Amino acid sequence: MTTDDSTTKKTRRARTGAEPDSETREVEITWAVLASLFQFRIATAEQLRRLHAPDAGIEKMRGRLRELRERGPAEELVLPQSGRAKG
């Protein structure tokens, strides 16, 4: 999500006075995560959490990434120096 998109959404919410429900917000975050992966090509779960859902726990982001891997648009990468999965 670009800054312009974020500003537009904030403006729209201010005009309507309504915040999106949690399900809508979860979908928005998932699409934003997918867009970030497309743009940056590689990111850790922690980086994506800080960028898109800083108030959520890391497990929530890991679950979101797991779902994206299962559906196909994201892959998991194991970095050789760490031996741990990053995705």
C-alpha atoms as a PDB file:
ATOM      1  CA  MET A   1       0.000   0.000   0.000  1.00  0.00           C
ATOM      2  CA  THR A   2       1.398   3.356  -0.949  1.00  0.00           C
ATOM      3  CA  THR A   3       1.201   6.455   1.177  1.00  0.00           C
ATOM      4  CA  ASP A   4      -1.424   7.828  -1.194  1.00  0.00           C
ATOM      5  CA  ASP A   5      -3.573   4.709  -0.730  1.00  0.00           C
ATOM      6  CA  SER A   6      -3.257   4.994   3.045  1.00  0.00           C
ATOM      7  CA  THR A   7      -4.207   8.665   2.970  1.00  0.00           C
ATOM      8  CA  THR A   8      -7.187   7.960   0.717  1.00  0.00           C
ATOM      9  CA  LYS A   9      -8.465   5.258   3.065  1.00  0.00           C
ATOM     10  CA  LYS A  10      -8.056   7.501   6.107  1.00  0.00           C
ATOM     11  CA  THR A  11      -9.922  10.290   4.321  1.00  0.00           C
ATOM     12  CA  ARG A  12     -12.702   7.910   3.300  1.00  0.00           C
ATOM     13  CA  ARG A  13     -13.023   6.649   6.888  1.00  0.00           C
ATOM     14  CA  ALA A  14     -13.081  10.212   8.209  1.00  0.00           C
ATOM     15  CA  ARG A  15     -15.916  11.105   5.825  1.00  0.00           C
ATOM     16  CA  THR A  16     -18.023   8.065   6.666  1.00  0.00           C
ATOM     17  CA  GLY A  17     -17.090   7.985  10.331  1.00  0.00           C
ATOM     18  CA  ALA A  18     -16.877   4.191  10.126  1.00  0.00           C
ATOM     19  CA  GLU A  19     -13.911   1.957  10.751  1.00  0.00           C
ATOM     20  CA  PRO A  20     -13.765  -1.280   8.765  1.00  0.00           C
ATOM     21  CA  ASP A  21     -14.788  -4.403  10.627  1.00  0.00           C
ATOM     22  CA  SER A  22     -12.016  -6.753  11.702  1.00  0.00           C
ATOM     23  CA  GLU A  23     -12.611  -9.165   8.813  1.00  0.00           C
ATOM     24  CA  THR A  24     -12.305  -6.339   6.288  1.00  0.00           C
ATOM     25  CA  ARG A  25      -9.159  -5.110   8.025  1.00  0.00           C
ATOM     26  CA  GLU A  26      -7.643  -8.614   7.910  1.00  0.00           C
ATOM     27  CA  VAL A  27      -8.285  -8.801   4.155  1.00  0.00           C
ATOM     28  CA  GLU A  28      -6.749  -5.338   3.688  1.00  0.00           C
ATOM     29  CA  ILE A  29      -3.625  -6.394   5.593  1.00  0.00           C
ATOM     30  CA  THR A  30      -3.316  -9.656   3.644  1.00  0.00           C
ATOM     31  CA  TRP A  31      -3.504  -7.814   0.309  1.00  0.00           C
ATOM     32  CA  ALA A  32      -0.978  -5.243   1.545  1.00  0.00           C
ATOM     33  CA  VAL A  33       1.392  -8.053   2.596  1.00  0.00           C
ATOM     34  CA  LEU A  34       1.046  -9.666  -0.832  1.00  0.00           C
ATOM     35  CA  ALA A  35       1.760  -6.319  -2.517  1.00  0.00           C
ATOM     36  CA  SER A  36       4.865  -5.863  -0.339  1.00  0.00           C
ATOM     37  CA  LEU A  37       6.142  -9.315  -1.251  1.00  0.00           C
ATOM     38  CA  PHE A  38       5.641  -8.479  -4.922  1.00  0.00           C
ATOM     39  CA  GLN A  39       7.488  -5.186  -4.537  1.00  0.00           C
ATOM     40  CA  PHE A  40      10.357  -6.314  -2.312  1.00  0.00           C
ATOM     41  CA  ARG A  41      10.513  -9.987  -3.433  1.00  0.00           C
ATOM     42  CA  ILE A  42      11.757 -11.117  -0.024  1.00  0.00           C
ATOM     43  CA  ALA A  43      10.818 -10.092   3.496  1.00  0.00           C
ATOM     44  CA  THR A  44      10.702 -11.681   6.908  1.00  0.00           C
ATOM     45  CA  ALA A  45       7.489 -12.176   8.828  1.00  0.00           C
ATOM     46  CA  GLU A  46       8.730  -9.627  11.366  1.00  0.00           C
ATOM     47  CA  GLN A  47       9.421  -7.011   8.691  1.00  0.00           C
ATOM     48  CA  LEU A  48       5.947  -7.481   7.232  1.00  0.00           C
ATOM     49  CA  ARG A  49       4.347  -7.373  10.688  1.00  0.00           C
ATOM     50  CA  ARG A  50       6.081  -4.083  11.519  1.00  0.00           C
ATOM     51  CA  LEU A  51       5.055  -2.604   8.183  1.00  0.00           C
ATOM     52  CA  HIS A  52       1.415  -3.689   8.013  1.00  0.00           C
ATOM     53  CA  ALA A  53       0.215  -4.785  11.468  1.00  0.00           C
ATOM     54  CA  PRO A  54       2.514  -3.441  14.182  1.00  0.00           C
ATOM     55  CA  ASP A  55      -0.167  -3.919  16.830  1.00  0.00           C
ATOM     56  CA  ALA A  56      -0.596  -7.636  16.014  1.00  0.00           C
ATOM     57  CA  GLY A  57       1.534 -10.517  17.211  1.00  0.00           C
ATOM     58  CA  ILE A  58       4.101 -12.246  15.024  1.00  0.00           C
ATOM     59  CA  GLU A  59       2.084 -15.490  14.997  1.00  0.00           C
ATOM     60  CA  LYS A  60      -0.784 -13.705  13.254  1.00  0.00           C
ATOM     61  CA  MET A  61       1.567 -12.641  10.449  1.00  0.00           C
ATOM     62  CA  ARG A  62       3.117 -16.104  10.239  1.00  0.00           C
ATOM     63  CA  GLY A  63      -0.372 -17.553   9.849  1.00  0.00           C
ATOM     64  CA  ARG A  64      -1.179 -15.034   7.124  1.00  0.00           C
ATOM     65  CA  LEU A  65       2.036 -15.941   5.281  1.00  0.00           C
ATOM     66  CA  ARG A  66       1.332 -19.666   5.715  1.00  0.00           C
ATOM     67  CA  GLU A  67      -2.057 -19.149   4.067  1.00  0.00           C
ATOM     68  CA  LEU A  68      -0.460 -17.231   1.186  1.00  0.00           C
ATOM     69  CA  ARG A  69       2.048 -20.077   0.724  1.00  0.00           C
ATOM     70  CA  GLU A  70      -0.739 -22.669   0.686  1.00  0.00           C
ATOM     71  CA  ARG A  71      -2.647 -20.665  -1.941  1.00  0.00           C
ATOM     72  CA  GLY A  72       0.465 -20.200  -4.052  1.00  0.00           C
ATOM     73  CA  PRO A  73       1.380 -16.501  -4.313  1.00  0.00           C
ATOM     74  CA  ALA A  74       4.145 -16.674  -1.670  1.00  0.00           C
ATOM     75  CA  GLU A  75       7.014 -19.048  -1.044  1.00  0.00           C
ATOM     76  CA  GLU A  76       9.160 -19.839   1.949  1.00  0.00           C
ATOM     77  CA  LEU A  77      12.907 -19.400   1.820  1.00  0.00           C
ATOM     78  CA  VAL A  78      15.486 -20.829   4.207  1.00  0.00           C
ATOM     79  CA  LEU A  79      18.472 -18.563   4.473  1.00  0.00           C
ATOM     80  CA  PRO A  80      21.697 -20.588   4.588  1.00  0.00           C
ATOM     81  CA  GLN A  81      23.407 -18.547   7.321  1.00  0.00           C
ATOM     82  CA  SER A  82      20.578 -18.944   9.812  1.00  0.00           C
ATOM     83  CA  GLY A  83      19.125 -22.382   9.111  1.00  0.00           C
ATOM     84  CA  ARG A  84      15.736 -20.880   9.928  1.00  0.00           C
ATOM     85  CA  ALA A  85      12.788 -20.349   7.631  1.00  0.00           C
ATOM     86  CA  LYS A  86      12.118 -16.792   6.554  1.00  0.00           C
ATOM     87  CA  GLY A  87       8.973 -15.781   4.780  1.00  0.00           C
END
